[in-house]
Amino acid sequence: MAEVKRFNCPSCGAALELQVNENALNCAYCGSTVSIPQELRETAVTVSPEARRWIKISIWGFVILMIITFVVPFLCSMCAMIAGIGGSVLPFFLK
């Protein structure tokens, strides 16, 4: 959740709340308009569906790698050996 920045109206001193992607504020009490400087503005960052997909793939790949690396050796030593060989050879076949 985005942090709400608080300012005071220069005309009457009332509290003003700056939301994301706003360039100016209107005072509810005196009606004056306050322009927000560029360095104080925040913009919401949107992530494309393609980037979101690759983030999910990366996270699940990491989870699976950790399971193969740390959980499988405790369950079966032969499975651990096969997984270790596969894990060391697999990167050479990926592009």
PDB file of N, CA and C in Angstrom:
ATOM      1  N   MET A   1       0.836  -1.166   0.000  1.00  0.00           N
ATOM      2  CA  MET A   1       0.000   0.000   0.000  1.00  0.00           C
ATOM      3  C   MET A   1       0.888   1.239   0.000  1.00  0.00           C
ATOM      4  N   ALA A   2       0.524   2.222  -0.793  1.00  0.00           N
ATOM      5  CA  ALA A   2       1.323   3.427  -0.929  1.00  0.00           C
ATOM      6  C   ALA A   2       1.185   4.305   0.308  1.00  0.00           C
ATOM      7  N   GLU A   3       2.271   4.965   0.631  1.00  0.00           N
ATOM      8  CA  GLU A   3       2.273   5.875   1.766  1.00  0.00           C
ATOM      9  C   GLU A   3       1.616   7.186   1.348  1.00  0.00           C
ATOM     10  N   VAL A   4       0.760   7.704   2.196  1.00  0.00           N
ATOM     11  CA  VAL A   4       0.087   8.971   1.915  1.00  0.00           C
ATOM     12  C   VAL A   4       0.936  10.088   2.508  1.00  0.00           C
ATOM     13  N   LYS A   5       1.319  11.051   1.665  1.00  0.00           N
ATOM     14  CA  LYS A   5       2.099  12.194   2.139  1.00  0.00           C
ATOM     15  C   LYS A   5       1.147  13.306   2.539  1.00  0.00           C
ATOM     16  N   ARG A   6       1.445  13.955   3.638  1.00  0.00           N
ATOM     17  CA  ARG A   6       0.579  15.011   4.156  1.00  0.00           C
ATOM     18  C   ARG A   6       1.272  16.369   4.016  1.00  0.00           C
ATOM     19  N   PHE A   7       0.490  17.342   3.567  1.00  0.00           N
ATOM     20  CA  PHE A   7       0.955  18.717   3.422  1.00  0.00           C
ATOM     21  C   PHE A   7      -0.059  19.638   4.079  1.00  0.00           C
ATOM     22  N   ASN A   8       0.342  20.863   4.307  1.00  0.00           N
ATOM     23  CA  ASN A   8      -0.572  21.886   4.821  1.00  0.00           C
ATOM     24  C   ASN A   8      -0.844  22.900   3.729  1.00  0.00           C
ATOM     25  N   CYS A   9      -2.065  23.367   3.682  1.00  0.00           N
ATOM     26  CA  CYS A   9      -2.466  24.386   2.715  1.00  0.00           C
ATOM     27  C   CYS A   9      -1.726  25.689   3.039  1.00  0.00           C
ATOM     28  N   PRO A  10      -1.080  26.307   2.037  1.00  0.00           N
ATOM     29  CA  PRO A  10      -0.362  27.557   2.315  1.00  0.00           C
ATOM     30  C   PRO A  10      -1.302  28.725   2.627  1.00  0.00           C
ATOM     31  N   SER A  11      -2.563  28.635   2.222  1.00  0.00           N
ATOM     32  CA  SER A  11      -3.504  29.739   2.465  1.00  0.00           C
ATOM     33  C   SER A  11      -4.130  29.685   3.850  1.00  0.00           C
ATOM     34  N   CYS A  12      -4.661  28.498   4.221  1.00  0.00           N
ATOM     35  CA  CYS A  12      -5.397  28.410   5.491  1.00  0.00           C
ATOM     36  C   CYS A  12      -4.755  27.470   6.511  1.00  0.00           C
ATOM     37  N   GLY A  13      -3.771  26.665   6.102  1.00  0.00           N
ATOM     38  CA  GLY A  13      -3.091  25.761   7.031  1.00  0.00           C
ATOM     39  C   GLY A  13      -3.781  24.429   7.241  1.00  0.00           C
ATOM     40  N   ALA A  14      -4.851  24.152   6.492  1.00  0.00           N
ATOM     41  CA  ALA A  14      -5.561  22.877   6.635  1.00  0.00           C
ATOM     42  C   ALA A  14      -4.694  21.736   6.098  1.00  0.00           C
ATOM     43  N   ALA A  15      -4.927  20.538   6.614  1.00  0.00           N
ATOM     44  CA  ALA A  15      -4.163  19.369   6.185  1.00  0.00           C
ATOM     45  C   ALA A  15      -4.614  18.928   4.796  1.00  0.00           C
ATOM     46  N   LEU A  16      -3.635  18.637   3.936  1.00  0.00           N
ATOM     47  CA  LEU A  16      -3.894  18.124   2.589  1.00  0.00           C
ATOM     48  C   LEU A  16      -3.205  16.777   2.465  1.00  0.00           C
ATOM     49  N   GLU A  17      -3.843  15.820   1.801  1.00  0.00           N
ATOM     50  CA  GLU A  17      -3.257  14.497   1.603  1.00  0.00           C
ATOM     51  C   GLU A  17      -2.960  14.300   0.130  1.00  0.00           C
ATOM     52  N   LEU A  18      -1.711  13.943  -0.173  1.00  0.00           N
ATOM     53  CA  LEU A  18      -1.290  13.705  -1.548  1.00  0.00           C
ATOM     54  C   LEU A  18      -1.394  12.220  -1.855  1.00  0.00           C
ATOM     55  N   GLN A  19      -2.160  11.881  -2.874  1.00  0.00           N
ATOM     56  CA  GLN A  19      -2.302  10.503  -3.314  1.00  0.00           C
ATOM     57  C   GLN A  19      -1.350  10.261  -4.482  1.00  0.00           C
ATOM     58  N   VAL A  20      -1.169   9.005  -4.847  1.00  0.00           N
ATOM     59  CA  VAL A  20      -0.294   8.643  -5.961  1.00  0.00           C
ATOM     60  C   VAL A  20      -0.861   9.188  -7.270  1.00  0.00           C
ATOM     61  N   ASN A  21       0.016   9.657  -8.136  1.00  0.00           N
ATOM     62  CA  ASN A  21      -0.293  10.169  -9.477  1.00  0.00           C
ATOM     63  C   ASN A  21      -1.095  11.470  -9.471  1.00  0.00           C
ATOM     64  N   GLU A  22      -1.028  12.249  -8.424  1.00  0.00           N
ATOM     65  CA  GLU A  22      -1.685  13.556  -8.404  1.00  0.00           C
ATOM     66  C   GLU A  22      -0.643  14.642  -8.613  1.00  0.00           C
ATOM     67  N   ASN A  23      -0.989  15.653  -9.413  1.00  0.00           N
ATOM     68  CA  ASN A  23      -0.084  16.763  -9.686  1.00  0.00           C
ATOM     69  C   ASN A  23      -0.428  18.000  -8.872  1.00  0.00           C
ATOM     70  N   ALA A  24      -1.678  18.108  -8.441  1.00  0.00           N
ATOM     71  CA  ALA A  24      -2.121  19.276  -7.687  1.00  0.00           C
ATOM     72  C   ALA A  24      -3.175  18.849  -6.671  1.00  0.00           C
ATOM     73  N   LEU A  25      -3.304  19.653  -5.631  1.00  0.00           N
ATOM     74  CA  LEU A  25      -4.289  19.388  -4.580  1.00  0.00           C
ATOM     75  C   LEU A  25      -5.231  20.572  -4.467  1.00  0.00           C
ATOM     76  N   ASN A  26      -6.477  20.284  -4.159  1.00  0.00           N
ATOM     77  CA  ASN A  26      -7.459  21.330  -3.880  1.00  0.00           C
ATOM     78  C   ASN A  26      -7.800  21.276  -2.399  1.00  0.00           C
ATOM     79  N   CYS A  27      -7.729  22.414  -1.753  1.00  0.00           N
ATOM     80  CA  CYS A  27      -8.051  22.494  -0.332  1.00  0.00           C
ATOM     81  C   CYS A  27      -9.567  22.418  -0.167  1.00  0.00           C
ATOM     82  N   ALA A  28     -10.024  21.539   0.709  1.00  0.00           N
ATOM     83  CA  ALA A  28     -11.457  21.366   0.938  1.00  0.00           C
ATOM     84  C   ALA A  28     -12.046  22.531   1.735  1.00  0.00           C
ATOM     85  N   TYR A  29     -11.213  23.290   2.439  1.00  0.00           N
ATOM     86  CA  TYR A  29     -11.709  24.372   3.289  1.00  0.00           C
ATOM     87  C   TYR A  29     -11.752  25.723   2.583  1.00  0.00           C
ATOM     88  N   CYS A  30     -10.637  26.112   1.953  1.00  0.00           N
ATOM     89  CA  CYS A  30     -10.601  27.439   1.330  1.00  0.00           C
ATOM     90  C   CYS A  30     -10.690  27.386  -0.196  1.00  0.00           C
ATOM     91  N   GLY A  31     -10.566  26.185  -0.796  1.00  0.00           N
ATOM     92  CA  GLY A  31     -10.711  26.035  -2.239  1.00  0.00           C
ATOM     93  C   GLY A  31      -9.480  26.384  -3.050  1.00  0.00           C
ATOM     94  N   SER A  32      -8.366  26.704  -2.402  1.00  0.00           N
ATOM     95  CA  SER A  32      -7.159  27.044  -3.160  1.00  0.00           C
ATOM     96  C   SER A  32      -6.529  25.787  -3.753  1.00  0.00           C
ATOM     97  N   THR A  33      -5.828  25.964  -4.867  1.00  0.00           N
ATOM     98  CA  THR A  33      -5.159  24.864  -5.547  1.00  0.00           C
ATOM     99  C   THR A  33      -3.667  24.952  -5.271  1.00  0.00           C
ATOM    100  N   VAL A  34      -3.076  23.826  -4.881  1.00  0.00           N
ATOM    101  CA  VAL A  34      -1.656  23.767  -4.563  1.00  0.00           C
ATOM    102  C   VAL A  34      -0.994  22.832  -5.560  1.00  0.00           C
ATOM    103  N   SER A  35       0.004  23.329  -6.291  1.00  0.00           N
ATOM    104  CA  SER A  35       0.756  22.510  -7.237  1.00  0.00           C
ATOM    105  C   SER A  35       1.856  21.767  -6.486  1.00  0.00           C
ATOM    106  N   ILE A  36       2.016  20.487  -6.790  1.00  0.00           N
ATOM    107  CA  ILE A  36       3.009  19.654  -6.119  1.00  0.00           C
ATOM    108  C   ILE A  36       4.278  19.616  -6.974  1.00  0.00           C
ATOM    109  N   PRO A  37       5.449  19.927  -6.408  1.00  0.00           N
ATOM    110  CA  PRO A  37       6.699  19.862  -7.174  1.00  0.00           C
ATOM    111  C   PRO A  37       6.995  18.434  -7.644  1.00  0.00           C
ATOM    112  N   GLN A  38       7.686  18.313  -8.758  1.00  0.00           N
ATOM    113  CA  GLN A  38       7.969  17.011  -9.368  1.00  0.00           C
ATOM    114  C   GLN A  38       8.711  16.075  -8.409  1.00  0.00           C
ATOM    115  N   GLU A  39       9.657  16.589  -7.628  1.00  0.00           N
ATOM    116  CA  GLU A  39      10.448  15.719  -6.752  1.00  0.00           C
ATOM    117  C   GLU A  39       9.638  15.145  -5.596  1.00  0.00           C
ATOM    118  N   LEU A  40       8.471  15.723  -5.300  1.00  0.00           N
ATOM    119  CA  LEU A  40       7.624  15.204  -4.224  1.00  0.00           C
ATOM    120  C   LEU A  40       6.531  14.270  -4.728  1.00  0.00           C
ATOM    121  N   ARG A  41       6.376  14.181  -6.037  1.00  0.00           N
ATOM    122  CA  ARG A  41       5.331  13.319  -6.611  1.00  0.00           C
ATOM    123  C   ARG A  41       5.798  11.870  -6.635  1.00  0.00           C
ATOM    124  N   GLU A  42       4.841  10.976  -6.464  1.00  0.00           N
ATOM    125  CA  GLU A  42       5.113   9.548  -6.600  1.00  0.00           C
ATOM    126  C   GLU A  42       4.277   9.016  -7.743  1.00  0.00           C
ATOM    127  N   THR A  43       4.847   8.109  -8.479  1.00  0.00           N
ATOM    128  CA  THR A  43       4.088   7.473  -9.550  1.00  0.00           C
ATOM    129  C   THR A  43       4.020   5.981  -9.268  1.00  0.00           C
ATOM    130  N   ALA A  44       2.884   5.406  -9.552  1.00  0.00           N
ATOM    131  CA  ALA A  44       2.706   3.969  -9.351  1.00  0.00           C
ATOM    132  C   ALA A  44       3.396   3.220 -10.484  1.00  0.00           C
ATOM    133  N   VAL A  45       4.109   2.176 -10.146  1.00  0.00           N
ATOM    134  CA  VAL A  45       4.812   1.372 -11.134  1.00  0.00           C
ATOM    135  C   VAL A  45       3.926   0.195 -11.501  1.00  0.00           C
ATOM    136  N   THR A  46       3.713   0.017 -12.788  1.00  0.00           N
ATOM    137  CA  THR A  46       2.928  -1.123 -13.240  1.00  0.00           C
ATOM    138  C   THR A  46       3.865  -2.152 -13.854  1.00  0.00           C
ATOM    139  N   VAL A  47       3.574  -3.406 -13.599  1.00  0.00           N
ATOM    140  CA  VAL A  47       4.381  -4.501 -14.120  1.00  0.00           C
ATOM    141  C   VAL A  47       3.582  -5.183 -15.217  1.00  0.00           C
ATOM    142  N   SER A  48       4.225  -5.379 -16.356  1.00  0.00           N
ATOM    143  CA  SER A  48       3.538  -6.006 -17.480  1.00  0.00           C
ATOM    144  C   SER A  48       3.231  -7.466 -17.153  1.00  0.00           C
ATOM    145  N   PRO A  49       2.215  -8.036 -17.793  1.00  0.00           N
ATOM    146  CA  PRO A  49       1.896  -9.448 -17.557  1.00  0.00           C
ATOM    147  C   PRO A  49       3.063 -10.377 -17.899  1.00  0.00           C
ATOM    148  N   GLU A  50       3.831 -10.021 -18.928  1.00  0.00           N
ATOM    149  CA  GLU A  50       4.980 -10.849 -19.308  1.00  0.00           C
ATOM    150  C   GLU A  50       6.046 -10.838 -18.207  1.00  0.00           C
ATOM    151  N   ALA A  51       6.325  -9.673 -17.649  1.00  0.00           N
ATOM    152  CA  ALA A  51       7.303  -9.582 -16.557  1.00  0.00           C
ATOM    153  C   ALA A  51       6.791 -10.307 -15.318  1.00  0.00           C
ATOM    154  N   ARG A  52       5.506 -10.167 -15.038  1.00  0.00           N
ATOM    155  CA  ARG A  52       4.904 -10.856 -13.892  1.00  0.00           C
ATOM    156  C   ARG A  52       5.019 -12.372 -14.059  1.00  0.00           C
ATOM    157  N   ARG A  53       4.831 -12.841 -15.292  1.00  0.00           N
ATOM    158  CA  ARG A  53       4.945 -14.272 -15.586  1.00  0.00           C
ATOM    159  C   ARG A  53       6.370 -14.760 -15.313  1.00  0.00           C
ATOM    160  N   TRP A  54       7.377 -14.006 -15.766  1.00  0.00           N
ATOM    161  CA  TRP A  54       8.764 -14.413 -15.562  1.00  0.00           C
ATOM    162  C   TRP A  54       9.164 -14.343 -14.095  1.00  0.00           C
ATOM    163  N   ILE A  55       8.597 -13.431 -13.360  1.00  0.00           N
ATOM    164  CA  ILE A  55       8.870 -13.372 -11.925  1.00  0.00           C
ATOM    165  C   ILE A  55       8.329 -14.622 -11.242  1.00  0.00           C
ATOM    166  N   LYS A  56       7.101 -15.022 -11.599  1.00  0.00           N
ATOM    167  CA  LYS A  56       6.516 -16.239 -11.016  1.00  0.00           C
ATOM    168  C   LYS A  56       7.334 -17.469 -11.382  1.00  0.00           C
ATOM    169  N   ILE A  57       7.754 -17.554 -12.652  1.00  0.00           N
ATOM    170  CA  ILE A  57       8.558 -18.698 -13.089  1.00  0.00           C
ATOM    171  C   ILE A  57       9.867 -18.746 -12.310  1.00  0.00           C
ATOM    172  N   SER A  58      10.499 -17.597 -12.117  1.00  0.00           N
ATOM    173  CA  SER A  58      11.769 -17.550 -11.385  1.00  0.00           C
ATOM    174  C   SER A  58      11.594 -17.979  -9.936  1.00  0.00           C
ATOM    175  N   ILE A  59      10.535 -17.514  -9.306  1.00  0.00           N
ATOM    176  CA  ILE A  59      10.296 -17.875  -7.906  1.00  0.00           C
ATOM    177  C   ILE A  59      10.034 -19.368  -7.774  1.00  0.00           C
ATOM    178  N   TRP A  60       9.167 -19.912  -8.628  1.00  0.00           N
ATOM    179  CA  TRP A  60       8.873 -21.341  -8.548  1.00  0.00           C
ATOM    180  C   TRP A  60      10.096 -22.179  -8.911  1.00  0.00           C
ATOM    181  N   GLY A  61      10.907 -21.712  -9.858  1.00  0.00           N
ATOM    182  CA  GLY A  61      12.146 -22.419 -10.182  1.00  0.00           C
ATOM    183  C   GLY A  61      13.078 -22.469  -8.990  1.00  0.00           C
ATOM    184  N   PHE A  62      13.176 -21.360  -8.271  1.00  0.00           N
ATOM    185  CA  PHE A  62      14.019 -21.314  -7.078  1.00  0.00           C
ATOM    186  C   PHE A  62      13.485 -22.255  -6.002  1.00  0.00           C
ATOM    187  N   VAL A  63      12.168 -22.270  -5.809  1.00  0.00           N
ATOM    188  CA  VAL A  63      11.563 -23.152  -4.801  1.00  0.00           C
ATOM    189  C   VAL A  63      11.839 -24.613  -5.140  1.00  0.00           C
ATOM    190  N   ILE A  64      11.652 -24.978  -6.405  1.00  0.00           N
ATOM    191  CA  ILE A  64      11.896 -26.364  -6.825  1.00  0.00           C
ATOM    192  C   ILE A  64      13.368 -26.725  -6.659  1.00  0.00           C
ATOM    193  N   LEU A  65      14.267 -25.803  -7.021  1.00  0.00           N
ATOM    194  CA  LEU A  65      15.698 -26.047  -6.851  1.00  0.00           C
ATOM    195  C   LEU A  65      16.048 -26.273  -5.384  1.00  0.00           C
ATOM    196  N   MET A  66      15.469 -25.485  -4.485  1.00  0.00           N
ATOM    197  CA  MET A  66      15.752 -25.652  -3.062  1.00  0.00           C
ATOM    198  C   MET A  66      15.206 -26.977  -2.534  1.00  0.00           C
ATOM    199  N   ILE A  67      14.032 -27.385  -3.026  1.00  0.00           N
ATOM    200  CA  ILE A  67      13.476 -28.678  -2.611  1.00  0.00           C
ATOM    201  C   ILE A  67      14.381 -29.807  -3.072  1.00  0.00           C
ATOM    202  N   ILE A  68      14.811 -29.733  -4.334  1.00  0.00           N
ATOM    203  CA  ILE A  68      15.692 -30.780  -4.867  1.00  0.00           C
ATOM    204  C   ILE A  68      17.023 -30.782  -4.124  1.00  0.00           C
ATOM    205  N   THR A  69      17.525 -29.620  -3.790  1.00  0.00           N
ATOM    206  CA  THR A  69      18.840 -29.527  -3.157  1.00  0.00           C
ATOM    207  C   THR A  69      18.830 -29.947  -1.692  1.00  0.00           C
ATOM    208  N   PHE A  70      17.798 -29.571  -0.947  1.00  0.00           N
ATOM    209  CA  PHE A  70      17.837 -29.793   0.496  1.00  0.00           C
ATOM    210  C   PHE A  70      16.884 -30.869   1.009  1.00  0.00           C
ATOM    211  N   VAL A  71      15.738 -31.075   0.364  1.00  0.00           N
ATOM    212  CA  VAL A  71      14.760 -32.036   0.876  1.00  0.00           C
ATOM    213  C   VAL A  71      15.014 -33.432   0.325  1.00  0.00           C
ATOM    214  N   VAL A  72      15.267 -33.518  -0.965  1.00  0.00           N
ATOM    215  CA  VAL A  72      15.439 -34.831  -1.603  1.00  0.00           C
ATOM    216  C   VAL A  72      16.589 -35.629  -0.996  1.00  0.00           C
ATOM    217  N   PRO A  73      17.745 -35.044  -0.685  1.00  0.00           N
ATOM    218  CA  PRO A  73      18.820 -35.852  -0.086  1.00  0.00           C
ATOM    219  C   PRO A  73      18.425 -36.525   1.224  1.00  0.00           C
ATOM    220  N   PHE A  74      17.515 -35.940   1.973  1.00  0.00           N
ATOM    221  CA  PHE A  74      17.074 -36.568   3.211  1.00  0.00           C
ATOM    222  C   PHE A  74      16.133 -37.737   2.951  1.00  0.00           C
ATOM    223  N   LEU A  75      15.447 -37.732   1.822  1.00  0.00           N
ATOM    224  CA  LEU A  75      14.465 -38.771   1.539  1.00  0.00           C
ATOM    225  C   LEU A  75      15.076 -39.984   0.856  1.00  0.00           C
ATOM    226  N   CYS A  76      15.945 -39.756  -0.106  1.00  0.00           N
ATOM    227  CA  CYS A  76      16.461 -40.880  -0.888  1.00  0.00           C
ATOM    228  C   CYS A  76      17.834 -40.503  -1.443  1.00  0.00           C
ATOM    229  N   SER A  77      18.842 -41.271  -1.110  1.00  0.00           N
ATOM    230  CA  SER A  77      20.189 -40.933  -1.569  1.00  0.00           C
ATOM    231  C   SER A  77      20.339 -41.129  -3.076  1.00  0.00           C
ATOM    232  N   MET A  78      19.681 -42.136  -3.665  1.00  0.00           N
ATOM    233  CA  MET A  78      19.759 -42.357  -5.114  1.00  0.00           C
ATOM    234  C   MET A  78      19.064 -41.210  -5.852  1.00  0.00           C
ATOM    235  N   CYS A  79      17.919 -40.764  -5.334  1.00  0.00           N
ATOM    236  CA  CYS A  79      17.215 -39.634  -5.952  1.00  0.00           C
ATOM    237  C   CYS A  79      18.076 -38.381  -5.886  1.00  0.00           C
ATOM    238  N   ALA A  80      18.789 -38.201  -4.782  1.00  0.00           N
ATOM    239  CA  ALA A  80      19.643 -37.030  -4.633  1.00  0.00           C
ATOM    240  C   ALA A  80      20.774 -37.051  -5.646  1.00  0.00           C
ATOM    241  N   MET A  81      21.328 -38.229  -5.891  1.00  0.00           N
ATOM    242  CA  MET A  81      22.412 -38.333  -6.857  1.00  0.00           C
ATOM    243  C   MET A  81      21.911 -37.987  -8.260  1.00  0.00           C
ATOM    244  N   ILE A  82      20.749 -38.518  -8.638  1.00  0.00           N
ATOM    245  CA  ILE A  82      20.184 -38.246  -9.963  1.00  0.00           C
ATOM    246  C   ILE A  82      19.825 -36.770 -10.095  1.00  0.00           C
ATOM    247  N   ALA A  83      19.223 -36.211  -9.059  1.00  0.00           N
ATOM    248  CA  ALA A  83      18.855 -34.796  -9.096  1.00  0.00           C
ATOM    249  C   ALA A  83      20.094 -33.916  -9.162  1.00  0.00           C
ATOM    250  N   GLY A  84      21.148 -34.295  -8.478  1.00  0.00           N
ATOM    251  CA  GLY A  84      22.385 -33.517  -8.512  1.00  0.00           C
ATOM    252  C   GLY A  84      23.019 -33.531  -9.883  1.00  0.00           C
ATOM    253  N   ILE A  85      23.031 -34.693 -10.528  1.00  0.00           N
ATOM    254  CA  ILE A  85      23.574 -34.785 -11.886  1.00  0.00           C
ATOM    255  C   ILE A  85      22.708 -33.983 -12.845  1.00  0.00           C
ATOM    256  N   GLY A  86      21.391 -34.134 -12.722  1.00  0.00           N
ATOM    257  CA  GLY A  86      20.479 -33.381 -13.594  1.00  0.00           C
ATOM    258  C   GLY A  86      20.614 -31.888 -13.393  1.00  0.00           C
ATOM    259  N   GLY A  87      20.762 -31.458 -12.148  1.00  0.00           N
ATOM    260  CA  GLY A  87      20.900 -30.037 -11.858  1.00  0.00           C
ATOM    261  C   GLY A  87      22.200 -29.452 -12.366  1.00  0.00           C
ATOM    262  N   SER A  88      23.249 -30.274 -12.437  1.00  0.00           N
ATOM    263  CA  SER A  88      24.526 -29.754 -12.924  1.00  0.00           C
ATOM    264  C   SER A  88      24.616 -29.774 -14.444  1.00  0.00           C
ATOM    265  N   VAL A  89      23.842 -30.633 -15.108  1.00  0.00           N
ATOM    266  CA  VAL A  89      23.890 -30.749 -16.569  1.00  0.00           C
ATOM    267  C   VAL A  89      22.813 -29.907 -17.236  1.00  0.00           C
ATOM    268  N   LEU A  90      21.666 -29.739 -16.589  1.00  0.00           N
ATOM    269  CA  LEU A  90      20.525 -29.055 -17.191  1.00  0.00           C
ATOM    270  C   LEU A  90      20.821 -27.645 -17.698  1.00  0.00           C
ATOM    271  N   PRO A  91      21.583 -26.803 -16.995  1.00  0.00           N
ATOM    272  CA  PRO A  91      21.822 -25.441 -17.512  1.00  0.00           C
ATOM    273  C   PRO A  91      22.491 -25.404 -18.877  1.00  0.00           C
ATOM    274  N   PHE A  92      23.242 -26.439 -19.237  1.00  0.00           N
ATOM    275  CA  PHE A  92      23.908 -26.449 -20.540  1.00  0.00           C
ATOM    276  C   PHE A  92      22.933 -26.680 -21.684  1.00  0.00           C
ATOM    277  N   PHE A  93      21.744 -27.212 -21.381  1.00  0.00           N
ATOM    278  CA  PHE A  93      20.754 -27.480 -22.417  1.00  0.00           C
ATOM    279  C   PHE A  93      19.712 -26.376 -22.527  1.00  0.00           C
ATOM    280  N   LEU A  94      19.698 -25.440 -21.598  1.00  0.00           N
ATOM    281  CA  LEU A  94      18.747 -24.331 -21.637  1.00  0.00           C
ATOM    282  C   LEU A  94      19.343 -23.166 -22.405  1.00  0.00           C
ATOM    283  N   LYS A  95      18.503 -22.482 -23.137  1.00  0.00           N
ATOM    284  CA  LYS A  95      18.973 -21.310 -23.894  1.00  0.00           C
ATOM    285  C   LYS A  95      18.296 -20.079 -23.396  1.00  0.00           C
TER     286      LYS A  95
END
